[in-house]
């Protein structure tokens, strides 16, 4: 069914939100017409890519496939 079974979303994590945070996510989900879990996953992935300094998942994939040589050496 799936060409790449690693793309199946089977890993789960829990996130505890206070009432205000939950209300914000609920409002965003209603505004965008997106399920809350999907919205939060997209926000988390967008923030993670931003922290890594890449613009998209495709750019991250391209960078991660490059030959990486660490510059620091252990004593």
N, C-alpha and C. Protein backbone atom coordinates (compact mmCIF):
# COMPACT_ATOMS: atom_id res chain seq x y z
N UNK A 1 0.82 -1.18 0.00
CA UNK A 1 0.00 0.00 0.00
C UNK A 1 0.87 1.26 0.00
N UNK A 2 1.85 1.30 0.90
CA UNK A 2 2.78 2.43 0.94
C UNK A 2 4.09 2.02 0.30
N UNK A 3 4.64 2.90 -0.53
CA UNK A 3 5.93 2.60 -1.15
C UNK A 3 7.03 2.59 -0.09
N UNK A 4 6.97 3.53 0.83
CA UNK A 4 7.96 3.62 1.90
C UNK A 4 7.23 3.52 3.23
N UNK A 5 7.32 2.36 3.87
CA UNK A 5 6.58 2.15 5.12
C UNK A 5 7.11 3.01 6.26
N UNK A 6 8.29 3.60 6.10
CA UNK A 6 8.81 4.49 7.15
C UNK A 6 8.01 5.78 7.23
N UNK A 7 7.20 6.06 6.20
CA UNK A 7 6.37 7.27 6.20
C UNK A 7 5.05 7.08 6.95
N UNK A 8 4.76 5.84 7.38
CA UNK A 8 3.56 5.61 8.18
C UNK A 8 3.72 6.32 9.52
N UNK A 9 2.70 7.00 9.94
CA UNK A 9 2.77 7.76 11.18
C UNK A 9 2.32 6.87 12.34
N UNK A 10 3.27 6.08 12.87
CA UNK A 10 2.96 5.14 13.94
C UNK A 10 3.59 5.53 15.27
N UNK A 11 4.54 6.44 15.27
CA UNK A 11 5.18 6.88 16.52
C UNK A 11 4.32 7.95 17.16
N UNK A 12 4.07 7.79 18.46
CA UNK A 12 3.21 8.73 19.17
C UNK A 12 3.96 9.36 20.33
N UNK A 13 3.63 10.62 20.60
CA UNK A 13 4.12 11.30 21.79
C UNK A 13 2.94 12.03 22.42
N UNK A 14 3.05 12.31 23.68
CA UNK A 14 2.00 13.06 24.36
C UNK A 14 2.46 14.49 24.62
N UNK A 15 1.54 15.42 24.53
CA UNK A 15 1.83 16.82 24.80
C UNK A 15 0.78 17.32 25.79
N UNK A 16 1.24 17.87 26.89
CA UNK A 16 0.33 18.43 27.88
C UNK A 16 0.19 19.92 27.64
N UNK A 17 -1.04 20.36 27.45
CA UNK A 17 -1.34 21.77 27.21
C UNK A 17 -2.22 22.30 28.32
N UNK A 18 -2.03 23.58 28.66
CA UNK A 18 -2.98 24.18 29.59
C UNK A 18 -4.22 24.59 28.80
N UNK A 19 -5.21 25.10 29.49
CA UNK A 19 -6.48 25.42 28.84
C UNK A 19 -6.32 26.48 27.75
N UNK A 20 -5.48 27.49 28.01
CA UNK A 20 -5.27 28.55 27.02
C UNK A 20 -4.58 28.02 25.76
N UNK A 21 -3.56 27.18 25.95
CA UNK A 21 -2.87 26.60 24.80
C UNK A 21 -3.80 25.70 24.00
N UNK A 22 -4.59 24.90 24.71
CA UNK A 22 -5.53 24.01 24.02
C UNK A 22 -6.58 24.82 23.26
N UNK A 23 -7.04 25.91 23.86
CA UNK A 23 -8.01 26.77 23.16
C UNK A 23 -7.41 27.37 21.89
N UNK A 24 -6.15 27.76 21.96
CA UNK A 24 -5.47 28.31 20.78
C UNK A 24 -5.37 27.25 19.68
N UNK A 25 -4.95 26.05 20.03
CA UNK A 25 -4.83 24.96 19.04
C UNK A 25 -6.21 24.62 18.49
N UNK A 26 -7.20 24.58 19.35
CA UNK A 26 -8.58 24.30 18.91
C UNK A 26 -9.06 25.36 17.92
N UNK A 27 -8.78 26.63 18.22
CA UNK A 27 -9.20 27.71 17.33
C UNK A 27 -8.46 27.64 15.99
N UNK A 28 -7.16 27.36 16.03
CA UNK A 28 -6.39 27.21 14.79
C UNK A 28 -6.90 26.05 13.95
N UNK A 29 -7.21 24.95 14.62
CA UNK A 29 -7.73 23.78 13.90
C UNK A 29 -9.07 24.11 13.25
N UNK A 30 -9.93 24.81 13.97
CA UNK A 30 -11.22 25.19 13.40
C UNK A 30 -11.04 26.18 12.25
N UNK A 31 -10.12 27.11 12.41
CA UNK A 31 -9.87 28.12 11.38
C UNK A 31 -9.32 27.50 10.09
N UNK A 32 -8.40 26.55 10.25
CA UNK A 32 -7.77 25.94 9.07
C UNK A 32 -8.52 24.72 8.55
N UNK A 33 -9.45 24.20 9.36
CA UNK A 33 -10.16 22.99 8.95
C UNK A 33 -9.30 21.74 9.03
N UNK A 34 -8.30 21.78 9.89
CA UNK A 34 -7.35 20.68 10.05
C UNK A 34 -7.60 20.00 11.39
N UNK A 35 -7.36 18.69 11.44
CA UNK A 35 -7.44 17.98 12.72
C UNK A 35 -6.37 18.53 13.66
N UNK A 36 -6.66 18.53 14.97
CA UNK A 36 -5.72 19.07 15.94
C UNK A 36 -4.37 18.35 15.89
N UNK A 37 -4.39 17.03 15.83
CA UNK A 37 -3.14 16.27 15.82
C UNK A 37 -2.31 16.59 14.58
N UNK A 38 -2.97 16.70 13.44
CA UNK A 38 -2.27 17.03 12.19
C UNK A 38 -1.67 18.42 12.28
N UNK A 39 -2.44 19.36 12.80
CA UNK A 39 -1.97 20.73 12.95
C UNK A 39 -0.75 20.79 13.85
N UNK A 40 -0.81 20.13 15.01
CA UNK A 40 0.31 20.15 15.95
C UNK A 40 1.53 19.48 15.33
N UNK A 41 1.35 18.36 14.62
CA UNK A 41 2.48 17.69 13.97
C UNK A 41 3.13 18.62 12.95
N UNK A 42 2.33 19.30 12.15
CA UNK A 42 2.88 20.23 11.15
C UNK A 42 3.62 21.39 11.81
N UNK A 43 3.06 21.92 12.90
CA UNK A 43 3.73 23.01 13.61
C UNK A 43 5.05 22.56 14.22
N UNK A 44 5.07 21.36 14.79
CA UNK A 44 6.30 20.83 15.39
C UNK A 44 7.35 20.60 14.32
N UNK A 45 6.97 20.00 13.20
CA UNK A 45 7.93 19.74 12.13
C UNK A 45 8.46 21.04 11.53
N UNK A 46 7.59 22.03 11.36
CA UNK A 46 8.02 23.33 10.83
C UNK A 46 9.01 23.99 11.78
N UNK A 47 8.73 23.93 13.09
CA UNK A 47 9.64 24.52 14.08
C UNK A 47 10.97 23.77 14.12
N UNK A 48 10.93 22.44 14.02
CA UNK A 48 12.16 21.64 14.03
C UNK A 48 13.04 21.97 12.83
N UNK A 49 12.43 22.05 11.65
CA UNK A 49 13.20 22.40 10.45
C UNK A 49 13.77 23.80 10.55
N UNK A 50 13.00 24.72 11.15
CA UNK A 50 13.47 26.09 11.34
C UNK A 50 14.68 26.12 12.27
N UNK A 51 14.62 25.34 13.36
CA UNK A 51 15.76 25.28 14.29
C UNK A 51 17.00 24.72 13.61
N UNK A 52 16.81 23.81 12.67
CA UNK A 52 17.94 23.23 11.93
C UNK A 52 18.42 24.16 10.82
N UNK A 53 17.66 25.20 10.53
CA UNK A 53 18.06 26.15 9.51
C UNK A 53 17.81 25.69 8.09
N UNK A 54 16.82 24.82 7.92
CA UNK A 54 16.45 24.38 6.57
C UNK A 54 15.02 24.80 6.30
N UNK A 55 14.70 25.00 5.04
CA UNK A 55 13.40 25.55 4.67
C UNK A 55 12.32 24.50 4.49
N UNK A 56 12.71 23.26 4.17
CA UNK A 56 11.70 22.25 3.88
C UNK A 56 12.23 20.86 4.20
N UNK A 57 11.33 19.89 4.25
CA UNK A 57 11.73 18.50 4.47
C UNK A 57 12.65 18.03 3.34
N UNK A 58 12.37 18.47 2.11
CA UNK A 58 13.21 18.07 0.98
C UNK A 58 14.63 18.61 1.14
N UNK A 59 14.75 19.85 1.61
CA UNK A 59 16.08 20.42 1.84
C UNK A 59 16.79 19.66 2.95
N UNK A 60 16.07 19.29 4.01
CA UNK A 60 16.65 18.52 5.10
C UNK A 60 17.14 17.17 4.58
N UNK A 61 16.32 16.51 3.75
CA UNK A 61 16.71 15.22 3.19
C UNK A 61 17.98 15.36 2.36
N UNK A 62 18.07 16.42 1.56
CA UNK A 62 19.25 16.63 0.72
C UNK A 62 20.49 16.88 1.57
N UNK A 63 20.35 17.69 2.62
CA UNK A 63 21.49 17.98 3.48
C UNK A 63 21.91 16.74 4.25
N UNK A 64 20.95 15.96 4.74
CA UNK A 64 21.28 14.78 5.53
C UNK A 64 21.92 13.68 4.70
N UNK A 65 21.76 13.72 3.38
CA UNK A 65 22.37 12.72 2.51
C UNK A 65 23.81 13.09 2.13
N UNK A 66 24.22 14.32 2.46
CA UNK A 66 25.58 14.76 2.13
C UNK A 66 26.58 14.05 3.04
N UNK A 67 27.80 13.92 2.57
CA UNK A 67 28.86 13.32 3.36
C UNK A 67 29.25 14.30 4.46
N UNK A 68 28.98 13.93 5.70
CA UNK A 68 29.24 14.82 6.83
C UNK A 68 30.53 14.40 7.52
N UNK A 69 31.43 15.34 7.68
CA UNK A 69 32.69 15.10 8.38
C UNK A 69 32.76 16.04 9.58
N UNK A 70 32.71 15.52 10.81
CA UNK A 70 32.79 16.40 11.97
C UNK A 70 34.15 17.08 12.04
N UNK A 71 34.15 18.32 12.51
CA UNK A 71 35.40 19.07 12.59
C UNK A 71 36.06 18.91 13.95
N UNK A 72 35.29 18.64 14.99
CA UNK A 72 35.86 18.49 16.32
C UNK A 72 36.47 17.09 16.46
N UNK A 73 37.57 17.01 17.16
CA UNK A 73 38.22 15.72 17.40
C UNK A 73 38.23 15.48 18.90
N UNK A 74 37.99 14.24 19.28
CA UNK A 74 38.02 13.88 20.69
C UNK A 74 39.46 13.76 21.16
N UNK A 75 39.70 14.02 22.44
CA UNK A 75 41.07 13.95 22.99
C UNK A 75 41.51 12.52 23.11
